[in-house]
């Protein structure tokens, strides 16, 4: 009987040890994911000659990857401040990279690069440059482009509207806003045309309601012979902003002119979205969170949530035993924001004591 009791005790110890190891593996993997930025599908190429150097090609890929990452997490103005970052400094922020689809075509070397950047090092780099990064959150937004011919007093919503036709023809991987254009509805067009004299004050709420999207951009383009004026009404993250753009000596029928305006507008909208999601890295709020270690599925879910919250700059296991797991979190925001985010992810916390407990 004593032998059986000892075996049972050993079995319990063994099970606990295996569980501990599994948890450490899970946590380490998730921790790695939480602290990296990955940039994929970067095409690199170079002439294949006697002077061919694969390392130089990879360095160019790192520079392009770094530029794409900055485009996602900084505004265009901030990116310009650090666009000439030396390759030597960029490489200190690279965790790993992979090369795929290598091929030679007509004495030209081609490959695809995927680079993983260390998030902590990237954020420290930006902090030294006094730049607040943004959370790279993708967002779907309704875009309603309305073209007004000032000289003929005609309004174009679908047909003969170059902005409607070409807005989504060329999108980049690093762009965060995914634009949904309205379906062609003659009733909507007729209503808008009736308001041609006061289109800038027209209430678009009924049209917007059809698409079940909270975020939208109303784009009104006033076109005359050599001038284009654009009024943008932007509603993102429950934040409303109006922008006015004016372009002189420009012809929308000229592809280069049109692409210039299109790129400028997309940068404006992306910048506004990023400013709504900026991370204040100067705020470093330490939090201790405790959860019942026996609730395995809930623990794994919690780790996944920590990995997706970009305002969490760091987290690790502070304490682990058979009853609880305690995490130490460094949060770049207010306690209220953290609690709201956790609530949205269906985690309720008891915050009466210094150690916050997940119920």
Protein backbone atom coordinates (compact mmCIF):
# COMPACT_ATOMS: atom_id res chain seq x y z
CA UNK A 1 0.00 0.00 0.00
CA UNK A 2 2.85 2.38 0.86
CA UNK A 3 4.44 1.66 -2.48
CA UNK A 4 1.19 2.55 -4.27
CA UNK A 5 0.91 5.80 -2.29
CA UNK A 6 4.48 6.72 -3.25
CA UNK A 7 3.79 5.96 -6.88
CA UNK A 8 0.69 8.14 -6.80
CA UNK A 9 2.66 10.99 -5.26
CA UNK A 10 5.39 10.59 -7.88
CA UNK A 11 2.75 10.59 -10.59
CA UNK A 12 1.33 13.88 -9.28
CA UNK A 13 4.81 15.42 -9.19
CA UNK A 14 5.48 14.16 -12.72
CA UNK A 15 2.18 15.56 -14.03
CA UNK A 16 2.88 18.92 -12.39
CA UNK A 17 6.39 19.01 -13.84
CA UNK A 18 5.17 18.18 -17.37
CA UNK A 19 2.42 20.81 -17.05
CA UNK A 20 4.98 23.36 -15.93
CA UNK A 21 7.26 22.62 -18.87
CA UNK A 22 4.37 22.81 -21.33
CA UNK A 23 3.27 26.14 -19.90
CA UNK A 24 6.80 27.53 -20.16
CA UNK A 25 6.98 26.45 -23.81
CA UNK A 26 3.61 28.03 -24.56
CA UNK A 27 4.46 31.22 -22.71
CA UNK A 28 7.90 31.52 -24.31
CA UNK A 29 6.45 31.11 -27.79
CA UNK A 30 3.71 33.65 -27.22
CA UNK A 31 6.15 36.03 -25.55
CA UNK A 32 8.30 35.91 -28.68
CA UNK A 33 5.31 36.68 -30.88
CA UNK A 34 4.33 39.56 -28.61
CA UNK A 35 7.74 41.15 -28.97
CA UNK A 36 8.32 41.08 -32.71
CA UNK A 37 7.26 42.93 -35.84
CA UNK A 38 7.21 40.81 -38.98
CA UNK A 39 7.53 42.27 -42.49
CA UNK A 40 6.87 39.79 -45.30
CA UNK A 41 6.86 39.59 -49.10
CA UNK A 42 9.74 41.99 -49.70
CA UNK A 43 11.08 41.49 -53.22
CA UNK A 44 14.84 41.94 -53.65
CA UNK A 45 16.93 41.74 -56.81
CA UNK A 46 20.41 42.43 -58.14
CA UNK A 47 22.38 41.89 -61.35
CA UNK A 48 24.25 38.58 -61.18
CA UNK A 49 27.80 39.54 -62.15
CA UNK A 50 31.36 39.10 -60.90
CA UNK A 51 30.67 41.76 -58.25
CA UNK A 52 27.52 40.04 -57.00
CA UNK A 53 27.33 40.06 -53.20
CA UNK A 54 24.34 38.37 -51.60
CA UNK A 55 24.89 40.15 -48.27
CA UNK A 56 24.50 43.53 -49.97
CA UNK A 57 21.23 42.35 -51.51
CA UNK A 58 19.97 41.23 -48.09
CA UNK A 59 20.99 44.58 -46.60
CA UNK A 60 18.86 46.34 -49.23
CA UNK A 61 16.02 44.04 -48.24
CA UNK A 62 16.46 45.00 -44.58
CA UNK A 63 16.31 48.69 -45.52
CA UNK A 64 13.14 48.18 -47.53
CA UNK A 65 11.58 46.08 -44.76
CA UNK A 66 12.49 48.71 -42.17
CA UNK A 67 10.97 51.43 -44.35
CA UNK A 68 7.73 49.44 -44.72
CA UNK A 69 7.59 48.83 -40.97
CA UNK A 70 8.05 52.55 -40.25
CA UNK A 71 5.27 53.31 -42.75
CA UNK A 72 2.93 51.11 -40.69
CA UNK A 73 3.81 52.39 -37.22
CA UNK A 74 4.76 56.06 -37.72
CA UNK A 75 3.18 59.05 -39.42
CA UNK A 76 4.67 60.25 -42.70
CA UNK A 77 6.23 63.28 -40.98
CA UNK A 78 7.94 61.18 -38.31
CA UNK A 79 9.11 58.63 -40.85
CA UNK A 80 10.90 61.37 -42.81
CA UNK A 81 12.92 62.22 -39.69
CA UNK A 82 14.50 58.76 -39.62
CA UNK A 83 14.39 57.68 -43.27
CA UNK A 84 18.20 57.75 -43.52
CA UNK A 85 18.85 55.34 -40.64
CA UNK A 86 22.19 53.54 -41.34
CA UNK A 87 21.98 49.86 -42.26
CA UNK A 88 24.31 49.05 -39.35
CA UNK A 89 21.74 50.39 -36.89
CA UNK A 90 18.83 48.71 -38.69
CA UNK A 91 20.55 45.32 -38.38
CA UNK A 92 20.77 45.67 -34.59
CA UNK A 93 16.95 45.60 -34.55
CA UNK A 94 16.61 42.47 -36.72
CA UNK A 95 15.80 39.27 -34.84
CA UNK A 96 15.74 36.90 -37.79
CA UNK A 97 15.05 36.66 -41.51
CA UNK A 98 14.24 34.08 -44.16
CA UNK A 99 14.88 34.08 -47.90
CA UNK A 100 12.59 32.23 -50.27
CA UNK A 101 11.72 31.98 -53.97
CA UNK A 102 15.35 32.49 -55.03
CA UNK A 103 15.76 32.44 -58.80
CA UNK A 104 17.97 33.69 -61.62
CA UNK A 105 16.38 35.25 -64.69
CA UNK A 106 18.50 36.74 -67.50
CA UNK A 107 21.52 37.18 -65.23
CA UNK A 108 19.38 38.83 -62.57
CA UNK A 109 19.02 37.45 -59.04
CA UNK A 110 15.54 37.59 -57.45
CA UNK A 111 14.34 36.55 -54.00
CA UNK A 112 11.64 37.20 -51.41
CA UNK A 113 12.62 38.33 -47.91
CA UNK A 114 10.74 38.01 -44.62
CA UNK A 115 12.26 39.96 -41.72
CA UNK A 116 11.39 39.77 -38.03
CA UNK A 117 12.25 42.90 -36.04
CA UNK A 118 12.62 42.98 -32.27
CA UNK A 119 9.69 45.09 -31.07
CA UNK A 120 11.44 46.23 -27.89
CA UNK A 121 14.46 47.45 -29.83
CA UNK A 122 12.27 49.20 -32.41
CA UNK A 123 10.30 51.01 -29.69
CA UNK A 124 13.50 52.03 -27.88
CA UNK A 125 14.93 53.33 -31.15
CA UNK A 126 11.82 55.45 -31.78
CA UNK A 127 11.79 56.66 -28.18
CA UNK A 128 15.39 57.90 -28.56
CA UNK A 129 14.25 59.81 -31.64
CA UNK A 130 11.35 61.31 -29.64
CA UNK A 131 8.81 59.58 -31.89
CA UNK A 132 5.61 57.98 -30.61
CA UNK A 133 4.81 54.88 -32.69
CA UNK A 134 1.31 53.69 -33.50
CA UNK A 135 -0.31 50.31 -33.12
CA UNK A 136 -0.35 48.69 -36.59
CA UNK A 137 -4.09 48.00 -36.54
CA UNK A 138 -5.84 47.21 -39.81
CA UNK A 139 -9.23 48.84 -40.21
CA UNK A 140 -12.05 48.69 -42.74
CA UNK A 141 -13.50 52.08 -43.63
CA UNK A 142 -16.30 53.20 -45.92
CA UNK A 143 -15.06 55.68 -48.53
CA UNK A 144 -17.58 57.79 -50.43
CA UNK A 145 -15.83 59.78 -53.20
CA UNK A 146 -18.01 62.41 -54.89
CA UNK A 147 -16.71 64.23 -57.95
CA UNK A 148 -18.22 67.67 -58.61
CA UNK A 149 -17.58 69.38 -61.94
CA UNK A 150 -17.75 73.04 -60.94
CA UNK A 151 -18.00 74.32 -64.51
CA UNK A 152 -20.90 72.09 -65.59
CA UNK A 153 -22.45 71.73 -62.14
CA UNK A 154 -22.60 67.94 -62.56
CA UNK A 155 -22.07 65.42 -59.77
CA UNK A 156 -20.48 62.01 -60.39
CA UNK A 157 -20.76 59.29 -57.80
CA UNK A 158 -20.06 56.18 -59.88
CA UNK A 159 -19.79 56.63 -63.66
CA UNK A 160 -17.15 59.09 -64.89
CA UNK A 161 -15.74 59.31 -61.37
CA UNK A 162 -12.03 58.50 -61.59
CA UNK A 163 -11.70 58.36 -57.79
CA UNK A 164 -14.43 55.73 -57.54
CA UNK A 165 -12.94 53.67 -60.38
CA UNK A 166 -9.26 53.80 -59.41
CA UNK A 167 -9.15 54.21 -55.64
CA UNK A 168 -8.51 50.52 -54.94
CA UNK A 169 -6.55 49.62 -58.05
CA UNK A 170 -3.18 49.70 -56.26
CA UNK A 171 -2.93 48.95 -52.54
CA UNK A 172 0.22 48.34 -50.51
CA UNK A 173 0.80 45.69 -47.82
CA UNK A 174 1.87 48.34 -45.33
CA UNK A 175 -1.36 50.35 -45.65
CA UNK A 176 -3.59 49.95 -42.61
CA UNK A 177 -6.88 51.22 -44.03
CA UNK A 178 -8.94 48.90 -46.18
CA UNK A 179 -11.42 50.96 -48.20
CA UNK A 180 -14.94 49.78 -48.97
CA UNK A 181 -16.55 51.72 -51.83
CA UNK A 182 -20.35 51.98 -52.01
CA UNK A 183 -22.28 49.80 -54.45
CA UNK A 184 -23.76 51.57 -57.45
CA UNK A 185 -27.20 52.74 -56.34
CA UNK A 186 -29.12 55.15 -58.58
CA UNK A 187 -31.35 56.22 -55.71
CA UNK A 188 -28.32 57.41 -53.74
CA UNK A 189 -26.98 59.21 -56.81
CA UNK A 190 -30.28 61.00 -57.43
CA UNK A 191 -30.52 62.17 -53.83
CA UNK A 192 -26.97 63.55 -53.90
CA UNK A 193 -27.48 65.25 -57.26
CA UNK A 194 -30.53 67.05 -55.86
CA UNK A 195 -28.20 68.62 -53.29
CA UNK A 196 -25.58 69.80 -55.77
CA UNK A 197 -25.66 73.39 -54.49
CA UNK A 198 -25.01 72.36 -50.89
CA UNK A 199 -23.24 69.02 -51.19
CA UNK A 200 -20.66 69.96 -48.55
CA UNK A 201 -23.41 70.11 -45.89
CA UNK A 202 -25.39 67.08 -47.09
CA UNK A 203 -26.27 64.50 -44.42
CA UNK A 204 -24.87 61.15 -45.57
CA UNK A 205 -25.97 59.22 -42.47
CA UNK A 206 -28.64 57.17 -44.27
CA UNK A 207 -26.21 56.11 -46.96
CA UNK A 208 -23.50 55.27 -44.41
CA UNK A 209 -25.96 53.20 -42.33
CA UNK A 210 -26.39 50.76 -45.24
CA UNK A 211 -22.87 49.42 -44.82
CA UNK A 212 -22.76 48.70 -41.08
CA UNK A 213 -19.37 50.38 -40.63
CA UNK A 214 -18.59 52.82 -37.82
CA UNK A 215 -15.66 54.41 -39.64
CA UNK A 216 -16.13 56.39 -42.84
CA UNK A 217 -14.60 59.08 -45.05
CA UNK A 218 -16.67 61.45 -47.18
CA UNK A 219 -14.49 62.74 -50.01
CA UNK A 220 -15.86 65.65 -52.06
CA UNK A 221 -13.70 66.61 -55.04
CA UNK A 222 -14.43 69.97 -56.73
CA UNK A 223 -12.95 69.90 -60.22
CA UNK A 224 -12.48 72.97 -62.44
CA UNK A 225 -10.28 73.57 -65.46
CA UNK A 226 -6.86 73.77 -63.78
CA UNK A 227 -7.71 73.45 -60.12
CA UNK A 228 -8.89 70.71 -57.79
CA UNK A 229 -10.26 71.38 -54.30
CA UNK A 230 -10.93 68.45 -51.98
CA UNK A 231 -12.98 68.37 -48.79
CA UNK A 232 -12.42 65.29 -46.61
CA UNK A 233 -14.77 64.46 -43.74
CA UNK A 234 -13.08 61.74 -41.72
CA UNK A 235 -14.67 59.74 -38.92
CA UNK A 236 -12.27 57.18 -37.41
CA UNK A 237 -12.34 55.74 -33.88
CA UNK A 238 -15.25 58.07 -33.02
CA UNK A 239 -12.95 61.00 -33.80
CA UNK A 240 -14.11 63.47 -36.47
CA UNK A 241 -11.81 65.66 -38.55
CA UNK A 242 -12.19 67.86 -41.65
CA UNK A 243 -9.32 68.37 -44.08
CA UNK A 244 -9.11 70.74 -47.05
CA UNK A 245 -6.69 70.21 -49.93
CA UNK A 246 -6.11 72.47 -52.90
CA UNK A 247 -4.15 71.57 -56.06
CA UNK A 248 -3.31 74.20 -58.68
CA UNK A 249 -2.38 73.65 -62.32
CA UNK A 250 -3.42 70.02 -62.20
CA UNK A 251 -5.30 67.81 -64.63
CA UNK A 252 -7.13 64.72 -63.33
CA UNK A 253 -6.99 63.17 -66.80
CA UNK A 254 -3.21 63.07 -66.51
CA UNK A 255 -2.30 59.81 -64.76
CA UNK A 256 0.73 61.27 -62.95
CA UNK A 257 -1.35 64.17 -61.63
CA UNK A 258 -4.10 61.84 -60.47
CA UNK A 259 -1.67 59.43 -58.77
CA UNK A 260 -0.07 62.36 -56.94
CA UNK A 261 -3.44 63.39 -55.48
CA UNK A 262 -4.42 59.80 -54.69
CA UNK A 263 -1.17 59.11 -52.84
CA UNK A 264 -1.42 62.37 -50.91
CA UNK A 265 -4.97 61.61 -49.77
CA UNK A 266 -4.14 58.07 -48.68
CA UNK A 267 -1.15 59.33 -46.67
CA UNK A 268 -3.40 61.93 -44.98
CA UNK A 269 -5.96 59.29 -43.99
CA UNK A 270 -3.31 56.80 -42.85
CA UNK A 271 -1.63 59.49 -40.72
CA UNK A 272 -4.90 60.40 -39.06
CA UNK A 273 -5.61 56.74 -38.27
CA UNK A 274 -2.11 56.30 -36.80
CA UNK A 275 -2.46 59.39 -34.62
CA UNK A 276 -5.61 57.83 -33.17
CA UNK A 277 -3.60 54.73 -32.22
CA UNK A 278 -0.33 56.19 -30.98
CA UNK A 279 1.57 54.46 -28.18
CA UNK A 280 2.99 56.78 -25.55
CA UNK A 281 6.17 54.86 -24.73
CA UNK A 282 7.04 57.41 -22.03
CA UNK A 283 4.24 55.84 -19.93
CA UNK A 284 5.50 52.59 -18.39
CA UNK A 285 2.82 51.28 -16.05
CA UNK A 286 3.85 48.08 -14.22
CA UNK A 287 0.93 45.73 -13.52
CA UNK A 288 0.78 42.37 -11.74
CA UNK A 289 -1.99 40.07 -12.95
CA UNK A 290 -2.90 36.76 -11.33
CA UNK A 291 -4.91 33.89 -12.79
CA UNK A 292 -5.85 30.40 -11.64
CA UNK A 293 -3.23 28.08 -13.19
CA UNK A 294 -5.70 25.19 -13.33
CA UNK A 295 -7.86 27.03 -15.88
CA UNK A 296 -5.64 25.98 -18.76
CA UNK A 297 -7.81 27.23 -21.65
CA UNK A 298 -8.31 30.60 -19.98
CA UNK A 299 -4.56 30.93 -19.38
CA UNK A 300 -3.78 30.23 -23.03
CA UNK A 301 -6.45 32.72 -24.12
CA UNK A 302 -4.98 35.34 -21.76
CA UNK A 303 -1.53 34.83 -23.31
CA UNK A 304 -3.01 35.32 -26.77
CA UNK A 305 -4.65 38.57 -25.67
CA UNK A 306 -1.40 39.85 -24.14
CA UNK A 307 0.30 39.09 -27.46
CA UNK A 308 -2.16 41.17 -29.46
CA UNK A 309 -2.25 44.27 -27.23
CA UNK A 310 0.42 46.57 -28.64
CA UNK A 311 0.25 48.85 -25.60
CA UNK A 312 1.82 45.97 -23.66
CA UNK A 313 5.52 46.56 -24.32
CA UNK A 314 6.66 43.63 -22.17
CA UNK A 315 5.26 40.78 -20.09
CA UNK A 316 6.65 37.72 -18.36
CA UNK A 317 5.83 35.13 -15.69
CA UNK A 318 6.59 36.48 -12.25
CA UNK A 319 5.44 33.47 -10.24
CA UNK A 320 4.13 30.01 -11.04
CA UNK A 321 2.77 27.30 -8.75
CA UNK A 322 0.01 24.69 -8.66
CA UNK A 323 -2.72 27.25 -7.90
CA UNK A 324 -1.80 30.55 -9.58
CA UNK A 325 0.26 32.18 -12.30
CA UNK A 326 1.33 35.77 -11.83
CA UNK A 327 2.37 37.98 -14.74
CA UNK A 328 4.30 41.21 -14.67
CA UNK A 329 3.13 43.54 -17.46
CA UNK A 330 4.59 46.84 -18.66
CA UNK A 331 1.71 48.83 -20.14
CA UNK A 332 2.10 52.02 -22.20
CA UNK A 333 -1.21 53.52 -21.16
CA UNK A 334 -3.60 54.20 -18.30
CA UNK A 335 -5.09 51.52 -16.00
CA UNK A 336 -8.53 52.48 -17.29
CA UNK A 337 -7.52 51.77 -20.90
CA UNK A 338 -6.06 48.42 -19.89
CA UNK A 339 -9.22 47.39 -18.03
CA UNK A 340 -11.42 48.49 -20.94
CA UNK A 341 -9.32 46.47 -23.38
CA UNK A 342 -9.47 43.39 -21.16
CA UNK A 343 -13.22 43.77 -20.75
CA UNK A 344 -13.67 43.88 -24.54
CA UNK A 345 -11.81 40.57 -24.63
CA UNK A 346 -14.13 39.07 -21.99
CA UNK A 347 -11.70 39.21 -19.06
CA UNK A 348 -13.05 40.63 -15.80
CA UNK A 349 -10.52 41.70 -13.15
CA UNK A 350 -10.71 42.24 -9.41
CA UNK A 351 -8.55 45.34 -8.79
CA UNK A 352 -9.04 45.81 -5.04
CA UNK A 353 -5.45 44.88 -4.20
CA UNK A 354 -2.03 45.50 -5.73
CA UNK A 355 -2.21 42.17 -7.52
CA UNK A 356 -5.14 42.22 -9.93
CA UNK A 357 -6.96 38.92 -10.12
CA UNK A 358 -8.72 37.57 -13.18
CA UNK A 359 -12.04 36.20 -12.09
